[in-house]
Amino acid sequence: MLAGKEDPNGVFPVFTNRQIHISEPALGKTKSRGLSCPGPDFVYGAVTTIQDGGVSEAISSWHTPLLSSSNSARHRKAERDFVALNREGLKSGLVTAKELQQYRATHDIRCPVASKDARRSAPARIPQDLTFGVSTRPSTPISELMEYKYAQRWLEEQQAKDRALLARQHKKVQLGRIQDTRTTLLRKSRPLEEAPSMWKLPRFQKIGPALDTFRDADARRRAMAAHYSDSAARRGLLGQGTYTVD
């Protein structure tokens, strides 16, 4: 930065090529960056250019927007009803797009204009003595709070519930479901009937089996009887599976 010195005449500064250092703030002190405030006649905020009369005008008069009248609805330009135009064109025997376009150019059907006043419902009638807002909650009885009435009432309700539960338990004896066993299933069920023997040729009816694992006919009969009685508690069509008792 070029340093300057004052002119002997005190009019213009004279600059030289000597460099100087910018002065820094003192150690431990912040550098002042304050700005000067405007004078007492300065008004802060945005300038309002609308002259609507102020608060006195708003209090003295109340302007509300006027509802759309039937005259404005009557003079409003209605839109073309293309659905009705196409329907009338089909009634006349026109089916191509060019014929329908010519029909719409020479004919005009407008949609009916519905007045907004007819759809607007009348305001609800409010009674004159109606008070708006939320009703005030009744005051809490301080005497009941001081005497612990709420705690005593809760204890009485719990004791009444316990007494009612004990009375129901004495009246009604709840028995658990007894699991079925193999013995109970055998008692409930009936043994399967002996299936009829398979048909054989007459010449093979008197021929005995080639292999017999039983010692005698009595042992075979007892084994088959035990199998039939035990098949009621087993799974499978022939009663040869696992037991049905889990």
C-alpha atoms as a PDB file:
ATOM      1  CA  MET A   1       0.000   0.000   0.000  1.00  0.00           C
ATOM      2  CA  LEU A   2       1.279   3.423  -0.858  1.00  0.00           C
ATOM      3  CA  ALA A   3       1.810   5.797   2.007  1.00  0.00           C
ATOM      4  CA  GLY A   4       0.981   9.452   1.662  1.00  0.00           C
ATOM      5  CA  LYS A   5       2.015  12.629   3.335  1.00  0.00           C
ATOM      6  CA  GLU A   6       0.285  15.936   3.420  1.00  0.00           C
ATOM      7  CA  ASP A   7       1.202  18.686   1.017  1.00  0.00           C
ATOM      8  CA  PRO A   8       2.965  21.663   2.625  1.00  0.00           C
ATOM      9  CA  ASN A   9       0.091  23.805   1.484  1.00  0.00           C
ATOM     10  CA  GLY A  10      -2.391  21.330   3.141  1.00  0.00           C
ATOM     11  CA  VAL A  11      -4.504  20.807   0.014  1.00  0.00           C
ATOM     12  CA  PHE A  12      -3.616  17.450  -1.624  1.00  0.00           C
ATOM     13  CA  PRO A  13      -1.824  14.425  -0.143  1.00  0.00           C
ATOM     14  CA  VAL A  14       1.430  13.317  -1.731  1.00  0.00           C
ATOM     15  CA  PHE A  15       1.906   9.503  -2.147  1.00  0.00           C
ATOM     16  CA  THR A  16       5.292   7.758  -1.943  1.00  0.00           C
ATOM     17  CA  ASN A  17       6.491   4.216  -2.662  1.00  0.00           C
ATOM     18  CA  ARG A  18       7.093   3.353   1.007  1.00  0.00           C
ATOM     19  CA  GLN A  19       4.891   0.486   2.333  1.00  0.00           C
ATOM     20  CA  ILE A  20       3.211   0.648   5.722  1.00  0.00           C
ATOM     21  CA  HIS A  21       1.445  -2.017   7.829  1.00  0.00           C
ATOM     22  CA  ILE A  22      -2.274  -1.946   8.535  1.00  0.00           C
ATOM     23  CA  SER A  23      -2.959  -1.332  12.190  1.00  0.00           C
ATOM     24  CA  GLU A  24      -4.440  -4.334  14.006  1.00  0.00           C
ATOM     25  CA  PRO A  25      -6.670  -4.304  17.104  1.00  0.00           C
ATOM     26  CA  ALA A  26      -5.074  -4.586  20.497  1.00  0.00           C
ATOM     27  CA  LEU A  27      -4.601  -8.034  22.003  1.00  0.00           C
ATOM     28  CA  GLY A  28      -7.630  -9.180  23.989  1.00  0.00           C
ATOM     29  CA  LYS A  29      -9.937  -6.514  22.600  1.00  0.00           C
ATOM     30  CA  THR A  30     -12.434  -6.881  19.767  1.00  0.00           C
ATOM     31  CA  LYS A  31     -12.361  -4.633  16.791  1.00  0.00           C
ATOM     32  CA  SER A  32     -15.201  -2.140  16.776  1.00  0.00           C
ATOM     33  CA  ARG A  33     -17.645  -2.568  13.908  1.00  0.00           C
ATOM     34  CA  GLY A  34     -20.494  -0.355  15.040  1.00  0.00           C
ATOM     35  CA  LEU A  35     -22.729   1.549  12.642  1.00  0.00           C
ATOM     36  CA  SER A  36     -24.283   4.895  13.219  1.00  0.00           C
ATOM     37  CA  CYS A  37     -28.063   4.896  13.819  1.00  0.00           C
ATOM     38  CA  PRO A  38     -30.340   7.185  11.820  1.00  0.00           C
ATOM     39  CA  GLY A  39     -31.747  10.307  13.366  1.00  0.00           C
ATOM     40  CA  PRO A  40     -34.884  10.570  15.534  1.00  0.00           C
ATOM     41  CA  ASP A  41     -37.043  11.464  12.526  1.00  0.00           C
ATOM     42  CA  PHE A  42     -36.317   8.155  10.727  1.00  0.00           C
ATOM     43  CA  VAL A  43     -39.288   5.730  10.418  1.00  0.00           C
ATOM     44  CA  TYR A  44     -38.532   1.996  10.220  1.00  0.00           C
ATOM     45  CA  GLY A  45     -40.565  -0.476   8.122  1.00  0.00           C
ATOM     46  CA  ALA A  46     -42.058  -0.625   4.633  1.00  0.00           C
ATOM     47  CA  VAL A  47     -43.875   2.331   3.177  1.00  0.00           C
ATOM     48  CA  THR A  48     -47.628   1.786   2.768  1.00  0.00           C
ATOM     49  CA  THR A  49     -49.067   3.425  -0.324  1.00  0.00           C
ATOM     50  CA  ILE A  50     -52.669   2.190   0.107  1.00  0.00           C
ATOM     51  CA  GLN A  51     -55.004   4.801   1.541  1.00  0.00           C
ATOM     52  CA  ASP A  52     -57.990   2.821   2.863  1.00  0.00           C
ATOM     53  CA  GLY A  53     -59.084   5.112   5.645  1.00  0.00           C
ATOM     54  CA  GLY A  54     -57.341   3.313   8.493  1.00  0.00           C
ATOM     55  CA  VAL A  55     -58.940   1.922  11.629  1.00  0.00           C
ATOM     56  CA  SER A  56     -61.705   4.532  11.772  1.00  0.00           C
ATOM     57  CA  GLU A  57     -62.906   3.569   8.301  1.00  0.00           C
ATOM     58  CA  ALA A  58     -62.893  -0.143   9.178  1.00  0.00           C
ATOM     59  CA  ILE A  59     -64.928   0.463  12.357  1.00  0.00           C
ATOM     60  CA  SER A  60     -67.436   2.857  10.847  1.00  0.00           C
ATOM     61  CA  SER A  61     -68.232   0.798   7.722  1.00  0.00           C
ATOM     62  CA  TRP A  62     -68.199  -2.898   6.924  1.00  0.00           C
ATOM     63  CA  HIS A  63     -67.805  -3.806   3.249  1.00  0.00           C
ATOM     64  CA  THR A  64     -68.554  -7.409   2.288  1.00  0.00           C
ATOM     65  CA  PRO A  65     -68.200  -8.948  -1.184  1.00  0.00           C
ATOM     66  CA  LEU A  66     -71.500  -9.192  -2.997  1.00  0.00           C
ATOM     67  CA  LEU A  67     -72.756 -12.621  -3.994  1.00  0.00           C
ATOM     68  CA  SER A  68     -73.087 -13.423  -7.659  1.00  0.00           C
ATOM     69  CA  SER A  69     -76.562 -12.384  -8.742  1.00  0.00           C
ATOM     70  CA  SER A  70     -78.829 -14.158 -11.141  1.00  0.00           C
ATOM     71  CA  ASN A  71     -78.274 -11.407 -13.733  1.00  0.00           C
ATOM     72  CA  SER A  72     -74.564 -12.174 -13.986  1.00  0.00           C
ATOM     73  CA  ALA A  73     -75.336 -15.889 -14.300  1.00  0.00           C
ATOM     74  CA  ARG A  74     -77.928 -15.156 -16.954  1.00  0.00           C
ATOM     75  CA  HIS A  75     -75.518 -13.050 -19.077  1.00  0.00           C
ATOM     76  CA  ARG A  76     -72.601 -15.446 -18.635  1.00  0.00           C
ATOM     77  CA  LYS A  77     -71.587 -17.120 -21.887  1.00  0.00           C
ATOM     78  CA  ALA A  78     -72.422 -20.816 -21.822  1.00  0.00           C
ATOM     79  CA  GLU A  79     -70.088 -23.471 -23.188  1.00  0.00           C
ATOM     80  CA  ARG A  80     -70.900 -25.646 -26.172  1.00  0.00           C
ATOM     81  CA  ASP A  81     -72.399 -29.053 -25.449  1.00  0.00           C
ATOM     82  CA  PHE A  82     -70.427 -31.345 -27.781  1.00  0.00           C
ATOM     83  CA  VAL A  83     -72.102 -34.458 -26.401  1.00  0.00           C
ATOM     84  CA  ALA A  84     -75.525 -33.175 -27.417  1.00  0.00           C
ATOM     85  CA  LEU A  85     -74.166 -32.053 -30.796  1.00  0.00           C
ATOM     86  CA  ASN A  86     -72.748 -35.507 -31.532  1.00  0.00           C
ATOM     87  CA  ARG A  87     -75.964 -37.175 -30.420  1.00  0.00           C
ATOM     88  CA  GLU A  88     -78.089 -34.990 -32.658  1.00  0.00           C
ATOM     89  CA  GLY A  89     -75.674 -35.594 -35.550  1.00  0.00           C
ATOM     90  CA  LEU A  90     -76.043 -39.363 -35.150  1.00  0.00           C
ATOM     91  CA  LYS A  91     -79.815 -38.995 -35.106  1.00  0.00           C
ATOM     92  CA  SER A  92     -79.528 -37.144 -38.416  1.00  0.00           C
ATOM     93  CA  GLY A  93     -77.551 -40.031 -39.959  1.00  0.00           C
ATOM     94  CA  LEU A  94     -74.059 -38.537 -39.820  1.00  0.00           C
ATOM     95  CA  VAL A  95     -71.396 -41.116 -38.903  1.00  0.00           C
ATOM     96  CA  THR A  96     -68.068 -39.912 -40.326  1.00  0.00           C
ATOM     97  CA  ALA A  97     -65.798 -37.395 -38.614  1.00  0.00           C
ATOM     98  CA  LYS A  98     -66.036 -34.935 -41.512  1.00  0.00           C
ATOM     99  CA  GLU A  99     -69.842 -34.972 -41.481  1.00  0.00           C
ATOM    100  CA  LEU A 100     -69.955 -34.448 -37.708  1.00  0.00           C
ATOM    101  CA  GLN A 101     -67.494 -31.546 -37.986  1.00  0.00           C
ATOM    102  CA  GLN A 102     -69.684 -29.866 -40.613  1.00  0.00           C
ATOM    103  CA  TYR A 103     -72.748 -30.477 -38.431  1.00  0.00           C
ATOM    104  CA  ARG A 104     -71.076 -28.826 -35.417  1.00  0.00           C
ATOM    105  CA  ALA A 105     -70.056 -25.872 -37.615  1.00  0.00           C
ATOM    106  CA  THR A 106     -73.653 -25.253 -38.706  1.00  0.00           C
ATOM    107  CA  HIS A 107     -75.423 -26.072 -35.440  1.00  0.00           C
ATOM    108  CA  ASP A 108     -74.928 -24.793 -31.924  1.00  0.00           C
ATOM    109  CA  ILE A 109     -76.104 -26.263 -28.623  1.00  0.00           C
ATOM    110  CA  ARG A 110     -75.071 -24.679 -25.351  1.00  0.00           C
ATOM    111  CA  CYS A 111     -74.831 -26.172 -21.848  1.00  0.00           C
ATOM    112  CA  PRO A 112     -77.312 -24.743 -19.363  1.00  0.00           C
ATOM    113  CA  VAL A 113     -75.777 -22.228 -16.968  1.00  0.00           C
ATOM    114  CA  ALA A 114     -76.505 -23.116 -13.364  1.00  0.00           C
ATOM    115  CA  SER A 115     -76.749 -20.256 -10.912  1.00  0.00           C
ATOM    116  CA  LYS A 116     -74.473 -20.457  -7.885  1.00  0.00           C
ATOM    117  CA  ASP A 117     -77.193 -18.970  -5.700  1.00  0.00           C
ATOM    118  CA  ALA A 118     -79.417 -21.991  -6.264  1.00  0.00           C
ATOM    119  CA  ARG A 119     -76.739 -24.393  -5.027  1.00  0.00           C
ATOM    120  CA  ARG A 120     -75.796 -22.303  -2.012  1.00  0.00           C
ATOM    121  CA  SER A 121     -77.641 -23.510   1.056  1.00  0.00           C
ATOM    122  CA  ALA A 122     -79.151 -21.087   3.519  1.00  0.00           C
ATOM    123  CA  PRO A 123     -77.068 -20.357   6.630  1.00  0.00           C
ATOM    124  CA  ALA A 124     -77.936 -22.312   9.721  1.00  0.00           C
ATOM    125  CA  ARG A 125     -80.051 -20.532  12.297  1.00  0.00           C
ATOM    126  CA  ILE A 126     -78.208 -20.090  15.570  1.00  0.00           C
ATOM    127  CA  PRO A 127     -80.219 -19.435  18.712  1.00  0.00           C
ATOM    128  CA  GLN A 128     -79.664 -16.048  20.291  1.00  0.00           C
ATOM    129  CA  ASP A 129     -78.909 -17.355  23.794  1.00  0.00           C
ATOM    130  CA  LEU A 130     -76.209 -19.779  22.533  1.00  0.00           C
ATOM    131  CA  THR A 131     -72.811 -19.445  24.215  1.00  0.00           C
ATOM    132  CA  PHE A 132     -69.783 -20.418  22.161  1.00  0.00           C
ATOM    133  CA  GLY A 133     -66.677 -22.069  23.581  1.00  0.00           C
ATOM    134  CA  VAL A 134     -65.837 -24.987  25.863  1.00  0.00           C
ATOM    135  CA  SER A 135     -67.754 -25.362  29.097  1.00  0.00           C
ATOM    136  CA  THR A 136     -65.799 -24.861  32.294  1.00  0.00           C
ATOM    137  CA  ARG A 137     -64.777 -28.024  34.109  1.00  0.00           C
ATOM    138  CA  PRO A 138     -66.390 -28.400  37.524  1.00  0.00           C
ATOM    139  CA  SER A 139     -64.120 -27.604  40.424  1.00  0.00           C
ATOM    140  CA  THR A 140     -62.285 -30.455  42.153  1.00  0.00           C
ATOM    141  CA  PRO A 141     -63.637 -31.215  45.658  1.00  0.00           C
ATOM    142  CA  ILE A 142     -60.688 -30.346  47.895  1.00  0.00           C
ATOM    143  CA  SER A 143     -62.253 -32.035  50.928  1.00  0.00           C
ATOM    144  CA  GLU A 144     -62.286 -35.437  49.188  1.00  0.00           C
ATOM    145  CA  LEU A 145     -58.648 -35.006  48.184  1.00  0.00           C
ATOM    146  CA  MET A 146     -57.604 -34.157  51.728  1.00  0.00           C
ATOM    147  CA  GLU A 147     -59.511 -37.126  53.233  1.00  0.00           C
ATOM    148  CA  TYR A 148     -58.194 -39.665  50.628  1.00  0.00           C
ATOM    149  CA  LYS A 149     -61.716 -40.475  49.489  1.00  0.00           C
ATOM    150  CA  TYR A 150     -60.525 -41.517  46.031  1.00  0.00           C
ATOM    151  CA  ALA A 151     -58.055 -44.055  47.487  1.00  0.00           C
ATOM    152  CA  GLN A 152     -60.693 -45.515  49.787  1.00  0.00           C
ATOM    153  CA  ARG A 153     -63.143 -45.784  46.907  1.00  0.00           C
ATOM    154  CA  TRP A 154     -60.568 -47.604  44.804  1.00  0.00           C
ATOM    155  CA  LEU A 155     -59.822 -50.063  47.614  1.00  0.00           C
ATOM    156  CA  GLU A 156     -63.512 -50.797  48.059  1.00  0.00           C
ATOM    157  CA  GLU A 157     -63.907 -51.476  44.338  1.00  0.00           C
ATOM    158  CA  GLN A 158     -60.937 -53.872  44.339  1.00  0.00           C
ATOM    159  CA  GLN A 159     -62.263 -55.733  47.391  1.00  0.00           C
ATOM    160  CA  ALA A 160     -65.677 -56.068  45.734  1.00  0.00           C
ATOM    161  CA  LYS A 161     -64.057 -57.513  42.611  1.00  0.00           C
ATOM    162  CA  ASP A 162     -62.086 -60.030  44.688  1.00  0.00           C
ATOM    163  CA  ARG A 163     -65.201 -61.152  46.567  1.00  0.00           C
ATOM    164  CA  ALA A 164     -67.110 -61.619  43.303  1.00  0.00           C
ATOM    165  CA  LEU A 165     -64.240 -63.667  41.850  1.00  0.00           C
ATOM    166  CA  LEU A 166     -64.112 -65.941  44.894  1.00  0.00           C
ATOM    167  CA  ALA A 167     -67.874 -66.454  44.778  1.00  0.00           C
ATOM    168  CA  ARG A 168     -67.706 -67.506  41.111  1.00  0.00           C
ATOM    169  CA  GLN A 169     -64.865 -69.918  41.852  1.00  0.00           C
ATOM    170  CA  HIS A 170     -66.852 -71.598  44.646  1.00  0.00           C
ATOM    171  CA  LYS A 171     -69.966 -71.925  42.507  1.00  0.00           C
ATOM    172  CA  LYS A 172     -68.326 -73.208  39.367  1.00  0.00           C
ATOM    173  CA  VAL A 173     -65.698 -75.920  39.628  1.00  0.00           C
ATOM    174  CA  GLN A 174     -63.502 -75.765  36.573  1.00  0.00           C
ATOM    175  CA  LEU A 175     -62.266 -79.220  35.638  1.00  0.00           C
ATOM    176  CA  GLY A 176     -59.529 -79.605  33.093  1.00  0.00           C
ATOM    177  CA  ARG A 177     -59.887 -81.831  30.049  1.00  0.00           C
ATOM    178  CA  ILE A 178     -58.665 -85.369  30.760  1.00  0.00           C
ATOM    179  CA  GLN A 179     -56.397 -86.700  28.057  1.00  0.00           C
ATOM    180  CA  ASP A 180     -57.625 -89.891  26.443  1.00  0.00           C
ATOM    181  CA  THR A 181     -55.493 -92.969  26.954  1.00  0.00           C
ATOM    182  CA  ARG A 182     -55.267 -96.241  25.108  1.00  0.00           C
ATOM    183  CA  THR A 183     -57.635 -97.881  27.584  1.00  0.00           C
ATOM    184  CA  THR A 184     -60.332 -95.208  27.206  1.00  0.00           C
ATOM    185  CA  LEU A 185     -60.078 -95.366  23.429  1.00  0.00           C
ATOM    186  CA  LEU A 186     -60.500 -99.145  23.494  1.00  0.00           C
ATOM    187  CA  ARG A 187     -63.566 -98.792  25.672  1.00  0.00           C
ATOM    188  CA  LYS A 188     -65.169 -96.205  23.401  1.00  0.00           C
ATOM    189  CA  SER A 189     -64.439 -97.951  20.129  1.00  0.00           C
ATOM    190  CA  ARG A 190     -65.660-101.261  18.798  1.00  0.00           C
ATOM    191  CA  PRO A 191     -63.358-103.856  17.267  1.00  0.00           C
ATOM    192  CA  LEU A 192     -63.380-104.055  13.526  1.00  0.00           C
ATOM    193  CA  GLU A 193     -65.407-106.805  11.986  1.00  0.00           C
ATOM    194  CA  GLU A 194     -63.467-109.623  10.435  1.00  0.00           C
ATOM    195  CA  ALA A 195     -63.211-109.047   6.745  1.00  0.00           C
ATOM    196  CA  PRO A 196     -64.548-111.829   4.546  1.00  0.00           C
ATOM    197  CA  SER A 197     -61.992-114.120   3.032  1.00  0.00           C
ATOM    198  CA  MET A 198     -60.873-113.514  -0.492  1.00  0.00           C
ATOM    199  CA  TRP A 199     -62.379-115.598  -3.280  1.00  0.00           C
ATOM    200  CA  LYS A 200     -60.400-118.597  -4.348  1.00  0.00           C
ATOM    201  CA  LEU A 201     -60.786-121.204  -7.025  1.00  0.00           C
ATOM    202  CA  PRO A 202     -62.439-124.356  -5.801  1.00  0.00           C
ATOM    203  CA  ARG A 203     -59.346-126.454  -6.430  1.00  0.00           C
ATOM    204  CA  PHE A 204     -57.244-124.138  -4.210  1.00  0.00           C
ATOM    205  CA  GLN A 205     -59.679-123.844  -1.299  1.00  0.00           C
ATOM    206  CA  LYS A 206     -58.467-126.998   0.465  1.00  0.00           C
ATOM    207  CA  ILE A 207     -54.778-126.200  -0.033  1.00  0.00           C
ATOM    208  CA  GLY A 208     -53.173-124.695   3.065  1.00  0.00           C
ATOM    209  CA  PRO A 209     -50.653-121.818   3.137  1.00  0.00           C
ATOM    210  CA  ALA A 210     -47.100-122.538   2.157  1.00  0.00           C
ATOM    211  CA  LEU A 211     -45.704-120.717   5.234  1.00  0.00           C
ATOM    212  CA  ASP A 212     -47.267-120.604   8.714  1.00  0.00           C
ATOM    213  CA  THR A 213     -45.327-118.679  11.420  1.00  0.00           C
ATOM    214  CA  PHE A 214     -47.709-119.543  14.265  1.00  0.00           C
ATOM    215  CA  ARG A 215     -47.190-122.602  16.371  1.00  0.00           C
ATOM    216  CA  ASP A 216     -50.803-123.740  16.096  1.00  0.00           C
ATOM    217  CA  ALA A 217     -54.247-122.481  15.064  1.00  0.00           C
ATOM    218  CA  ASP A 218     -55.086-121.343  18.613  1.00  0.00           C
ATOM    219  CA  ALA A 219     -52.045-119.023  18.726  1.00  0.00           C
ATOM    220  CA  ARG A 220     -52.985-117.565  15.363  1.00  0.00           C
ATOM    221  CA  ARG A 221     -56.542-116.904  16.505  1.00  0.00           C
ATOM    222  CA  ARG A 222     -55.396-115.172  19.692  1.00  0.00           C
ATOM    223  CA  ALA A 223     -52.915-113.026  17.761  1.00  0.00           C
ATOM    224  CA  MET A 224     -55.504-111.926  15.201  1.00  0.00           C
ATOM    225  CA  ALA A 225     -58.023-111.121  17.955  1.00  0.00           C
ATOM    226  CA  ALA A 226     -55.442-108.965  19.760  1.00  0.00           C
ATOM    227  CA  HIS A 227     -54.626-107.211  16.482  1.00  0.00           C
ATOM    228  CA  TYR A 228     -58.270-106.390  15.786  1.00  0.00           C
ATOM    229  CA  SER A 229     -58.838-105.043  19.295  1.00  0.00           C
ATOM    230  CA  ASP A 230     -55.665-102.966  19.150  1.00  0.00           C
ATOM    231  CA  SER A 231     -56.337-101.520  15.665  1.00  0.00           C
ATOM    232  CA  ALA A 232     -58.992 -99.162  17.055  1.00  0.00           C
ATOM    233  CA  ALA A 233     -56.314 -96.984  18.702  1.00  0.00           C
ATOM    234  CA  ARG A 234     -53.933 -97.012  15.711  1.00  0.00           C
ATOM    235  CA  ARG A 235     -53.775 -94.904  12.583  1.00  0.00           C
ATOM    236  CA  GLY A 236     -54.260 -96.161   9.051  1.00  0.00           C
ATOM    237  CA  LEU A 237     -56.988 -97.901   7.084  1.00  0.00           C
ATOM    238  CA  LEU A 238     -55.965-101.335   8.353  1.00  0.00           C
ATOM    239  CA  GLY A 239     -55.197-100.154  11.900  1.00  0.00           C
ATOM    240  CA  GLN A 240     -51.495-100.988  11.687  1.00  0.00           C
ATOM    241  CA  GLY A 241     -50.020 -97.490  12.151  1.00  0.00           C
ATOM    242  CA  THR A 242     -48.926 -95.547  15.215  1.00  0.00           C
ATOM    243  CA  TYR A 243     -51.213 -94.882  18.144  1.00  0.00           C
ATOM    244  CA  THR A 244     -53.567 -91.922  17.902  1.00  0.00           C
ATOM    245  CA  VAL A 245     -52.870 -90.841  21.508  1.00  0.00           C
ATOM    246  CA  ASP A 246     -50.340 -87.960  21.424  1.00  0.00           C
END
